[in-house]
Amino acid sequence: FFNVMGWYRQTPGKERELVASINVGGVTNYGDSVKGRFTISR
């Protein structure tokens, strides 16, 4: 039902940042700091 789902993270004093996302078509996107280490799936 959603165009995109994903994960963000936040630490005190910092803005929420994208970790990973996956759109309805299955295309994934990752934050630079987690590429190669994190995997999003559904």
ModelCIF file with pLDDT and N, C-alpha, C, O atoms, coordinates in Angstrom:
data_MODEL
#
_entry.id   MODEL 
#
_entity.id                         1 
_entity.type                       polymer 
_entity.pdbx_number_of_molecules   1 
#
_entity_poly.entity_id                      1 
_entity_poly.type                           'polypeptide(L)' 
_entity_poly.nstd_linkage                   no 
_entity_poly.nstd_monomer                   no 
_entity_poly.pdbx_seq_one_letter_code       FFNVMGWYRQTPGKERELVASINVGGVTNYGDSVKGRFTISR 
_entity_poly.pdbx_seq_one_letter_code_can   FFNVMGWYRQTPGKERELVASINVGGVTNYGDSVKGRFTISR 
_entity_poly.pdbx_strand_id                 A 
#
loop_
_entity_poly_seq.entity_id 
_entity_poly_seq.num 
_entity_poly_seq.mon_id 
_entity_poly_seq.hetero 
1 1  PHE n 
1 2  PHE n 
1 3  ASN n 
1 4  VAL n 
1 5  MET n 
1 6  GLY n 
1 7  TRP n 
1 8  TYR n 
1 9  ARG n 
1 10 GLN n 
1 11 THR n 
1 12 PRO n 
1 13 GLY n 
1 14 LYS n 
1 15 GLU n 
1 16 ARG n 
1 17 GLU n 
1 18 LEU n 
1 19 VAL n 
1 20 ALA n 
1 21 SER n 
1 22 ILE n 
1 23 ASN n 
1 24 VAL n 
1 25 GLY n 
1 26 GLY n 
1 27 VAL n 
1 28 THR n 
1 29 ASN n 
1 30 TYR n 
1 31 GLY n 
1 32 ASP n 
1 33 SER n 
1 34 VAL n 
1 35 LYS n 
1 36 GLY n 
1 37 ARG n 
1 38 PHE n 
1 39 THR n 
1 40 ILE n 
1 41 SER n 
1 42 ARG n 
#
_struct_asym.id          A 
_struct_asym.entity_id   1 
#
loop_
_ma_qa_metric.id 
_ma_qa_metric.mode 
_ma_qa_metric.name 
_ma_qa_metric.software_group_id 
_ma_qa_metric.type 
1 global pLDDT . pLDDT 
2 local  pLDDT . pLDDT 
#
_ma_qa_metric_global.metric_id      1 
_ma_qa_metric_global.metric_value   97.00 
_ma_qa_metric_global.model_id       1 
_ma_qa_metric_global.ordinal_id     1 
#
loop_
_ma_qa_metric_local.label_asym_id 
_ma_qa_metric_local.label_comp_id 
_ma_qa_metric_local.label_seq_id 
_ma_qa_metric_local.metric_id 
_ma_qa_metric_local.metric_value 
_ma_qa_metric_local.model_id 
_ma_qa_metric_local.ordinal_id 
A PHE 1  2 94.00 1 1  
A PHE 2  2 96.00 1 2  
A ASN 3  2 97.00 1 3  
A VAL 4  2 98.00 1 4  
A MET 5  2 98.00 1 5  
A GLY 6  2 97.00 1 6  
A TRP 7  2 98.00 1 7  
A TYR 8  2 98.00 1 8  
A ARG 9  2 98.00 1 9  
A GLN 10 2 98.00 1 10 
A THR 11 2 96.00 1 11 
A PRO 12 2 92.00 1 12 
A GLY 13 2 92.00 1 13 
A LYS 14 2 95.00 1 14 
A GLU 15 2 95.00 1 15 
A ARG 16 2 96.00 1 16 
A GLU 17 2 97.00 1 17 
A LEU 18 2 98.00 1 18 
A VAL 19 2 98.00 1 19 
A ALA 20 2 98.00 1 20 
A SER 21 2 98.00 1 21 
A ILE 22 2 98.00 1 22 
A ASN 23 2 97.00 1 23 
A VAL 24 2 96.00 1 24 
A GLY 25 2 96.00 1 25 
A GLY 26 2 96.00 1 26 
A VAL 27 2 98.00 1 27 
A THR 28 2 98.00 1 28 
A ASN 29 2 98.00 1 29 
A TYR 30 2 98.00 1 30 
A GLY 31 2 97.00 1 31 
A ASP 32 2 97.00 1 32 
A SER 33 2 97.00 1 33 
A VAL 34 2 98.00 1 34 
A LYS 35 2 98.00 1 35 
A GLY 36 2 97.00 1 36 
A ARG 37 2 98.00 1 37 
A PHE 38 2 98.00 1 38 
A THR 39 2 98.00 1 39 
A ILE 40 2 98.00 1 40 
A SER 41 2 98.00 1 41 
A ARG 42 2 98.00 1 42 
#
loop_
_atom_site.group_PDB 
_atom_site.id 
_atom_site.type_symbol 
_atom_site.label_atom_id 
_atom_site.label_alt_id 
_atom_site.label_comp_id 
_atom_site.label_asym_id 
_atom_site.label_entity_id 
_atom_site.label_seq_id 
_atom_site.pdbx_PDB_ins_code 
_atom_site.Cartn_x 
_atom_site.Cartn_y 
_atom_site.Cartn_z 
_atom_site.occupancy 
_atom_site.B_iso_or_equiv 
_atom_site.pdbx_formal_charge 
_atom_site.auth_seq_id 
_atom_site.auth_comp_id 
_atom_site.auth_asym_id 
_atom_site.auth_atom_id 
_atom_site.pdbx_PDB_model_num 
ATOM 1   N N  . PHE A 1 1  ? 0.837  -1.203 0.000  1.00 94.00 ? 1  PHE A N  1 
ATOM 2   C CA . PHE A 1 1  ? 0.000  0.000  0.000  1.00 94.00 ? 1  PHE A CA 1 
ATOM 3   C C  . PHE A 1 1  ? 0.871  1.252  0.000  1.00 94.00 ? 1  PHE A C  1 
ATOM 4   O O  . PHE A 1 1  ? 0.451  2.309  -0.470 1.00 94.00 ? 1  PHE A O  1 
ATOM 5   N N  . PHE A 1 2  ? 2.076  1.125  0.527  1.00 96.00 ? 2  PHE A N  1 
ATOM 6   C CA . PHE A 1 2  ? 2.967  2.276  0.667  1.00 96.00 ? 2  PHE A CA 1 
ATOM 7   C C  . PHE A 1 2  ? 3.863  2.439  -0.553 1.00 96.00 ? 2  PHE A C  1 
ATOM 8   O O  . PHE A 1 2  ? 4.282  1.459  -1.169 1.00 96.00 ? 2  PHE A O  1 
ATOM 9   N N  . ASN A 1 3  ? 4.151  3.695  -0.892 1.00 97.00 ? 3  ASN A N  1 
ATOM 10  C CA . ASN A 1 3  ? 5.087  3.963  -1.984 1.00 97.00 ? 3  ASN A CA 1 
ATOM 11  C C  . ASN A 1 3  ? 6.495  3.528  -1.604 1.00 97.00 ? 3  ASN A C  1 
ATOM 12  O O  . ASN A 1 3  ? 7.252  3.012  -2.426 1.00 97.00 ? 3  ASN A O  1 
ATOM 13  N N  . VAL A 1 4  ? 6.821  3.750  -0.347 1.00 98.00 ? 4  VAL A N  1 
ATOM 14  C CA . VAL A 1 4  ? 8.155  3.390  0.126  1.00 98.00 ? 4  VAL A CA 1 
ATOM 15  C C  . VAL A 1 4  ? 8.097  3.113  1.614  1.00 98.00 ? 4  VAL A C  1 
ATOM 16  O O  . VAL A 1 4  ? 7.336  3.746  2.346  1.00 98.00 ? 4  VAL A O  1 
ATOM 17  N N  . MET A 1 5  ? 8.896  2.176  2.048  1.00 98.00 ? 5  MET A N  1 
ATOM 18  C CA . MET A 1 5  ? 9.090  1.896  3.472  1.00 98.00 ? 5  MET A CA 1 
ATOM 19  C C  . MET A 1 5  ? 10.582 1.871  3.752  1.00 98.00 ? 5  MET A C  1 
ATOM 20  O O  . MET A 1 5  ? 11.398 1.633  2.863  1.00 98.00 ? 5  MET A O  1 
ATOM 21  N N  . GLY A 1 6  ? 10.911 2.119  4.989  1.00 97.00 ? 6  GLY A N  1 
ATOM 22  C CA . GLY A 1 6  ? 12.335 2.101  5.284  1.00 97.00 ? 6  GLY A CA 1 
ATOM 23  C C  . GLY A 1 6  ? 12.644 2.305  6.741  1.00 97.00 ? 6  GLY A C  1 
ATOM 24  O O  . GLY A 1 6  ? 11.776 2.233  7.610  1.00 97.00 ? 6  GLY A O  1 
ATOM 25  N N  . TRP A 1 7  ? 13.908 2.563  6.979  1.00 98.00 ? 7  TRP A N  1 
ATOM 26  C CA . TRP A 1 7  ? 14.433 2.750  8.322  1.00 98.00 ? 7  TRP A CA 1 
ATOM 27  C C  . TRP A 1 7  ? 15.230 4.048  8.377  1.00 98.00 ? 7  TRP A C  1 
ATOM 28  O O  . TRP A 1 7  ? 16.021 4.357  7.487  1.00 98.00 ? 7  TRP A O  1 
ATOM 29  N N  . TYR A 1 8  ? 14.995 4.789  9.443  1.00 98.00 ? 8  TYR A N  1 
ATOM 30  C CA . TYR A 1 8  ? 15.777 5.960  9.769  1.00 98.00 ? 8  TYR A CA 1 
ATOM 31  C C  . TYR A 1 8  ? 16.362 5.739  11.158 1.00 98.00 ? 8  TYR A C  1 
ATOM 32  O O  . TYR A 1 8  ? 15.897 4.880  11.907 1.00 98.00 ? 8  TYR A O  1 
ATOM 33  N N  . ARG A 1 9  ? 17.372 6.508  11.493 1.00 98.00 ? 9  ARG A N  1 
ATOM 34  C CA . ARG A 1 9  ? 17.917 6.462  12.836 1.00 98.00 ? 9  ARG A CA 1 
ATOM 35  C C  . ARG A 1 9  ? 18.239 7.853  13.333 1.00 98.00 ? 9  ARG A C  1 
ATOM 36  O O  . ARG A 1 9  ? 18.448 8.783  12.554 1.00 98.00 ? 9  ARG A O  1 
ATOM 37  N N  . GLN A 1 10 ? 18.274 7.972  14.657 1.00 98.00 ? 10 GLN A N  1 
ATOM 38  C CA . GLN A 1 10 ? 18.518 9.275  15.268 1.00 98.00 ? 10 GLN A CA 1 
ATOM 39  C C  . GLN A 1 10 ? 19.283 9.114  16.561 1.00 98.00 ? 10 GLN A C  1 
ATOM 40  O O  . GLN A 1 10 ? 19.015 8.216  17.359 1.00 98.00 ? 10 GLN A O  1 
ATOM 41  N N  . THR A 1 11 ? 20.253 10.013 16.753 1.00 96.00 ? 11 THR A N  1 
ATOM 42  C CA . THR A 1 11 ? 20.978 10.106 18.004 1.00 96.00 ? 11 THR A CA 1 
ATOM 43  C C  . THR A 1 11 ? 20.725 11.487 18.599 1.00 96.00 ? 11 THR A C  1 
ATOM 44  O O  . THR A 1 11 ? 20.368 12.415 17.874 1.00 96.00 ? 11 THR A O  1 
ATOM 45  N N  . PRO A 1 12 ? 20.907 11.633 19.911 1.00 92.00 ? 12 PRO A N  1 
ATOM 46  C CA . PRO A 1 12 ? 20.628 12.923 20.554 1.00 92.00 ? 12 PRO A CA 1 
ATOM 47  C C  . PRO A 1 12 ? 21.391 14.064 19.891 1.00 92.00 ? 12 PRO A C  1 
ATOM 48  O O  . PRO A 1 12 ? 22.591 13.963 19.638 1.00 92.00 ? 12 PRO A O  1 
ATOM 49  N N  . GLY A 1 13 ? 20.681 15.140 19.616 1.00 92.00 ? 13 GLY A N  1 
ATOM 50  C CA . GLY A 1 13 ? 21.302 16.323 19.062 1.00 92.00 ? 13 GLY A CA 1 
ATOM 51  C C  . GLY A 1 13 ? 21.511 16.296 17.562 1.00 92.00 ? 13 GLY A C  1 
ATOM 52  O O  . GLY A 1 13 ? 22.015 17.256 16.979 1.00 92.00 ? 13 GLY A O  1 
ATOM 53  N N  . LYS A 1 14 ? 21.119 15.182 16.931 1.00 95.00 ? 14 LYS A N  1 
ATOM 54  C CA . LYS A 1 14 ? 21.293 15.072 15.481 1.00 95.00 ? 14 LYS A CA 1 
ATOM 55  C C  . LYS A 1 14 ? 19.951 14.877 14.784 1.00 95.00 ? 14 LYS A C  1 
ATOM 56  O O  . LYS A 1 14 ? 18.975 14.441 15.396 1.00 95.00 ? 14 LYS A O  1 
ATOM 57  N N  . GLU A 1 15 ? 19.918 15.200 13.515 1.00 95.00 ? 15 GLU A N  1 
ATOM 58  C CA . GLU A 1 15 ? 18.702 14.987 12.738 1.00 95.00 ? 15 GLU A CA 1 
ATOM 59  C C  . GLU A 1 15 ? 18.541 13.504 12.411 1.00 95.00 ? 15 GLU A C  1 
ATOM 60  O O  . GLU A 1 15 ? 19.505 12.743 12.343 1.00 95.00 ? 15 GLU A O  1 
ATOM 61  N N  . ARG A 1 16 ? 17.287 13.135 12.213 1.00 96.00 ? 16 ARG A N  1 
ATOM 62  C CA . ARG A 1 16 ? 17.005 11.761 11.798 1.00 96.00 ? 16 ARG A CA 1 
ATOM 63  C C  . ARG A 1 16 ? 17.588 11.549 10.393 1.00 96.00 ? 16 ARG A C  1 
ATOM 64  O O  . ARG A 1 16 ? 17.405 12.378 9.502  1.00 96.00 ? 16 ARG A O  1 
ATOM 65  N N  . GLU A 1 17 ? 18.293 10.426 10.216 1.00 97.00 ? 17 GLU A N  1 
ATOM 66  C CA . GLU A 1 17 ? 18.929 10.171 8.928  1.00 97.00 ? 17 GLU A CA 1 
ATOM 67  C C  . GLU A 1 17 ? 18.445 8.861  8.327  1.00 97.00 ? 17 GLU A C  1 
ATOM 68  O O  . GLU A 1 17 ? 18.112 7.914  9.039  1.00 97.00 ? 17 GLU A O  1 
ATOM 69  N N  . LEU A 1 18 ? 18.412 8.830  7.002  1.00 98.00 ? 18 LEU A N  1 
ATOM 70  C CA . LEU A 1 18 ? 18.006 7.619  6.296  1.00 98.00 ? 18 LEU A CA 1 
ATOM 71  C C  . LEU A 1 18 ? 19.050 6.521  6.482  1.00 98.00 ? 18 LEU A C  1 
ATOM 72  O O  . LEU A 1 18 ? 20.250 6.746  6.331  1.00 98.00 ? 18 LEU A O  1 
ATOM 73  N N  . VAL A 1 19 ? 18.564 5.337  6.811  1.00 98.00 ? 19 VAL A N  1 
ATOM 74  C CA . VAL A 1 19 ? 19.428 4.164  6.872  1.00 98.00 ? 19 VAL A CA 1 
ATOM 75  C C  . VAL A 1 19 ? 19.242 3.336  5.606  1.00 98.00 ? 19 VAL A C  1 
ATOM 76  O O  . VAL A 1 19 ? 20.204 3.028  4.903  1.00 98.00 ? 19 VAL A O  1 
ATOM 77  N N  . ALA A 1 20 ? 17.991 2.981  5.329  1.00 98.00 ? 20 ALA A N  1 
ATOM 78  C CA . ALA A 1 20 ? 17.693 2.165  4.158  1.00 98.00 ? 20 ALA A CA 1 
ATOM 79  C C  . ALA A 1 20 ? 16.224 2.300  3.816  1.00 98.00 ? 20 ALA A C  1 
ATOM 80  O O  . ALA A 1 20 ? 15.390 2.543  4.688  1.00 98.00 ? 20 ALA A O  1 
ATOM 81  N N  . SER A 1 21 ? 15.915 2.142  2.536  1.00 98.00 ? 21 SER A N  1 
ATOM 82  C CA . SER A 1 21 ? 14.525 2.187  2.114  1.00 98.00 ? 21 SER A CA 1 
ATOM 83  C C  . SER A 1 21 ? 14.302 1.201  0.979  1.00 98.00 ? 21 SER A C  1 
ATOM 84  O O  . SER A 1 21 ? 15.236 0.782  0.295  1.00 98.00 ? 21 SER A O  1 
ATOM 85  N N  . ILE A 1 22 ? 13.041 0.845  0.803  1.00 98.00 ? 22 ILE A N  1 
ATOM 86  C CA . ILE A 1 22 ? 12.652 -0.031 -0.302 1.00 98.00 ? 22 ILE A CA 1 
ATOM 87  C C  . ILE A 1 22 ? 11.321 0.471  -0.840 1.00 98.00 ? 22 ILE A C  1 
ATOM 88  O O  . ILE A 1 22 ? 10.379 0.692  -0.079 1.00 98.00 ? 22 ILE A O  1 
ATOM 89  N N  . ASN A 1 23 ? 11.248 0.651  -2.162 1.00 97.00 ? 23 ASN A N  1 
ATOM 90  C CA . ASN A 1 23 ? 10.003 1.166  -2.702 1.00 97.00 ? 23 ASN A CA 1 
ATOM 91  C C  . ASN A 1 23 ? 9.087  0.023  -3.141 1.00 97.00 ? 23 ASN A C  1 
ATOM 92  O O  . ASN A 1 23 ? 9.451  -1.150 -3.055 1.00 97.00 ? 23 ASN A O  1 
ATOM 93  N N  . VAL A 1 24 ? 7.905  0.384  -3.609 1.00 96.00 ? 24 VAL A N  1 
ATOM 94  C CA . VAL A 1 24 ? 6.910  -0.637 -3.925 1.00 96.00 ? 24 VAL A CA 1 
ATOM 95  C C  . VAL A 1 24 ? 7.411  -1.575 -5.020 1.00 96.00 ? 24 VAL A C  1 
ATOM 96  O O  . VAL A 1 24 ? 6.989  -2.729 -5.095 1.00 96.00 ? 24 VAL A O  1 
ATOM 97  N N  . GLY A 1 25 ? 8.314  -1.078 -5.871 1.00 96.00 ? 25 GLY A N  1 
ATOM 98  C CA . GLY A 1 25 ? 8.865  -1.916 -6.926 1.00 96.00 ? 25 GLY A CA 1 
ATOM 99  C C  . GLY A 1 25 ? 10.033 -2.770 -6.502 1.00 96.00 ? 25 GLY A C  1 
ATOM 100 O O  . GLY A 1 25 ? 10.541 -3.576 -7.281 1.00 96.00 ? 25 GLY A O  1 
ATOM 101 N N  . GLY A 1 26 ? 10.465 -2.593 -5.253 1.00 96.00 ? 26 GLY A N  1 
ATOM 102 C CA . GLY A 1 26 ? 11.568 -3.394 -4.741 1.00 96.00 ? 26 GLY A CA 1 
ATOM 103 C C  . GLY A 1 26 ? 12.935 -2.744 -4.863 1.00 96.00 ? 26 GLY A C  1 
ATOM 104 O O  . GLY A 1 26 ? 13.947 -3.359 -4.525 1.00 96.00 ? 26 GLY A O  1 
ATOM 105 N N  . VAL A 1 27 ? 12.976 -1.519 -5.336 1.00 98.00 ? 27 VAL A N  1 
ATOM 106 C CA . VAL A 1 27 ? 14.259 -0.815 -5.452 1.00 98.00 ? 27 VAL A CA 1 
ATOM 107 C C  . VAL A 1 27 ? 14.690 -0.354 -4.067 1.00 98.00 ? 27 VAL A C  1 
ATOM 108 O O  . VAL A 1 27 ? 13.911 0.245  -3.326 1.00 98.00 ? 27 VAL A O  1 
ATOM 109 N N  . THR A 1 28 ? 15.940 -0.642 -3.730 1.00 98.00 ? 28 THR A N  1 
ATOM 110 C CA . THR A 1 28 ? 16.456 -0.298 -2.404 1.00 98.00 ? 28 THR A CA 1 
ATOM 111 C C  . THR A 1 28 ? 17.414 0.884  -2.474 1.00 98.00 ? 28 THR A C  1 
ATOM 112 O O  . THR A 1 28 ? 18.004 1.177  -3.515 1.00 98.00 ? 28 THR A O  1 
ATOM 113 N N  . ASN A 1 29 ? 17.547 1.549  -1.341 1.00 98.00 ? 29 ASN A N  1 
ATOM 114 C CA . ASN A 1 29 ? 18.446 2.694  -1.224 1.00 98.00 ? 29 ASN A CA 1 
ATOM 115 C C  . ASN A 1 29 ? 19.043 2.664  0.166  1.00 98.00 ? 29 ASN A C  1 
ATOM 116 O O  . ASN A 1 29 ? 18.347 2.369  1.138  1.00 98.00 ? 29 ASN A O  1 
ATOM 117 N N  . TYR A 1 30 ? 20.335 2.969  0.269  1.00 98.00 ? 30 TYR A N  1 
ATOM 118 C CA . TYR A 1 30 ? 21.025 2.907  1.557  1.00 98.00 ? 30 TYR A CA 1 
ATOM 119 C C  . TYR A 1 30 ? 21.786 4.188  1.831  1.00 98.00 ? 30 TYR A C  1 
ATOM 120 O O  . TYR A 1 30 ? 22.281 4.849  0.918  1.00 98.00 ? 30 TYR A O  1 
ATOM 121 N N  . GLY A 1 31 ? 21.869 4.527  3.120  1.00 97.00 ? 31 GLY A N  1 
ATOM 122 C CA . GLY A 1 31 ? 22.745 5.601  3.511  1.00 97.00 ? 31 GLY A CA 1 
ATOM 123 C C  . GLY A 1 31 ? 24.195 5.202  3.294  1.00 97.00 ? 31 GLY A C  1 
ATOM 124 O O  . GLY A 1 31 ? 24.535 4.024  3.403  1.00 97.00 ? 31 GLY A O  1 
ATOM 125 N N  . ASP A 1 32 ? 25.046 6.162  2.989  1.00 97.00 ? 32 ASP A N  1 
ATOM 126 C CA . ASP A 1 32 ? 26.438 5.860  2.660  1.00 97.00 ? 32 ASP A CA 1 
ATOM 127 C C  . ASP A 1 32 ? 27.148 5.120  3.785  1.00 97.00 ? 32 ASP A C  1 
ATOM 128 O O  . ASP A 1 32 ? 27.990 4.261  3.524  1.00 97.00 ? 32 ASP A O  1 
ATOM 129 N N  . SER A 1 33 ? 26.822 5.440  5.023  1.00 97.00 ? 33 SER A N  1 
ATOM 130 C CA . SER A 1 33 ? 27.545 4.864  6.149  1.00 97.00 ? 33 SER A CA 1 
ATOM 131 C C  . SER A 1 33 ? 27.206 3.395  6.406  1.00 97.00 ? 33 SER A C  1 
ATOM 132 O O  . SER A 1 33 ? 27.910 2.727  7.164  1.00 97.00 ? 33 SER A O  1 
ATOM 133 N N  . VAL A 1 34 ? 26.143 2.884  5.787  1.00 98.00 ? 34 VAL A N  1 
ATOM 134 C CA . VAL A 1 34 ? 25.740 1.504  6.045  1.00 98.00 ? 34 VAL A CA 1 
ATOM 135 C C  . VAL A 1 34 ? 25.835 0.612  4.811  1.00 98.00 ? 34 VAL A C  1 
ATOM 136 O O  . VAL A 1 34 ? 25.588 -0.591 4.894  1.00 98.00 ? 34 VAL A O  1 
ATOM 137 N N  . LYS A 1 35 ? 26.186 1.185  3.686  1.00 98.00 ? 35 LYS A N  1 
ATOM 138 C CA . LYS A 1 35 ? 26.274 0.390  2.453  1.00 98.00 ? 35 LYS A CA 1 
ATOM 139 C C  . LYS A 1 35 ? 27.265 -0.760 2.624  1.00 98.00 ? 35 LYS A C  1 
ATOM 140 O O  . LYS A 1 35 ? 28.376 -0.578 3.123  1.00 98.00 ? 35 LYS A O  1 
ATOM 141 N N  . GLY A 1 36 ? 26.837 -1.941 2.200  1.00 97.00 ? 36 GLY A N  1 
ATOM 142 C CA . GLY A 1 36 ? 27.685 -3.114 2.305  1.00 97.00 ? 36 GLY A CA 1 
ATOM 143 C C  . GLY A 1 36 ? 27.592 -3.825 3.641  1.00 97.00 ? 36 GLY A C  1 
ATOM 144 O O  . GLY A 1 36 ? 28.116 -4.928 3.795  1.00 97.00 ? 36 GLY A O  1 
ATOM 145 N N  . ARG A 1 37 ? 26.926 -3.200 4.618  1.00 98.00 ? 37 ARG A N  1 
ATOM 146 C CA . ARG A 1 37 ? 26.800 -3.816 5.945  1.00 98.00 ? 37 ARG A CA 1 
ATOM 147 C C  . ARG A 1 37 ? 25.338 -4.124 6.299  1.00 98.00 ? 37 ARG A C  1 
ATOM 148 O O  . ARG A 1 37 ? 25.052 -5.118 6.965  1.00 98.00 ? 37 ARG A O  1 
ATOM 149 N N  . PHE A 1 38 ? 24.432 -3.276 5.854  1.00 98.00 ? 38 PHE A N  1 
ATOM 150 C CA . PHE A 1 38 ? 23.010 -3.429 6.190  1.00 98.00 ? 38 PHE A CA 1 
ATOM 151 C C  . PHE A 1 38 ? 22.241 -3.850 4.945  1.00 98.00 ? 38 PHE A C  1 
ATOM 152 O O  . PHE A 1 38 ? 22.595 -3.486 3.824  1.00 98.00 ? 38 PHE A O  1 
ATOM 153 N N  . THR A 1 39 ? 21.183 -4.623 5.166  1.00 98.00 ? 39 THR A N  1 
ATOM 154 C CA . THR A 1 39 ? 20.321 -5.055 4.069  1.00 98.00 ? 39 THR A CA 1 
ATOM 155 C C  . THR A 1 39 ? 18.863 -4.920 4.471  1.00 98.00 ? 39 THR A C  1 
ATOM 156 O O  . THR A 1 39 ? 18.447 -5.414 5.519  1.00 98.00 ? 39 THR A O  1 
ATOM 157 N N  . ILE A 1 40 ? 18.098 -4.252 3.636  1.00 98.00 ? 40 ILE A N  1 
ATOM 158 C CA . ILE A 1 40 ? 16.660 -4.132 3.867  1.00 98.00 ? 40 ILE A CA 1 
ATOM 159 C C  . ILE A 1 40 ? 15.939 -5.187 3.023  1.00 98.00 ? 40 ILE A C  1 
ATOM 160 O O  . ILE A 1 40 ? 16.322 -5.464 1.887  1.00 98.00 ? 40 ILE A O  1 
ATOM 161 N N  . SER A 1 41 ? 14.894 -5.763 3.603  1.00 98.00 ? 41 SER A N  1 
ATOM 162 C CA . SER A 1 41 ? 14.104 -6.756 2.888  1.00 98.00 ? 41 SER A CA 1 
ATOM 163 C C  . SER A 1 41 ? 12.668 -6.681 3.384  1.00 98.00 ? 41 SER A C  1 
ATOM 164 O O  . SER A 1 41 ? 12.362 -5.929 4.309  1.00 98.00 ? 41 SER A O  1 
ATOM 165 N N  . ARG A 1 42 ? 11.790 -7.461 2.767  1.00 98.00 ? 42 ARG A N  1 
ATOM 166 C CA . ARG A 1 42 ? 10.386 -7.406 3.156  1.00 98.00 ? 42 ARG A CA 1 
ATOM 167 C C  . ARG A 1 42 ? 9.717  -8.756 2.921  1.00 98.00 ? 42 ARG A C  1 
ATOM 168 O O  . ARG A 1 42 ? 8.525  -8.910 3.190  1.00 98.00 ? 42 ARG A O  1 
#
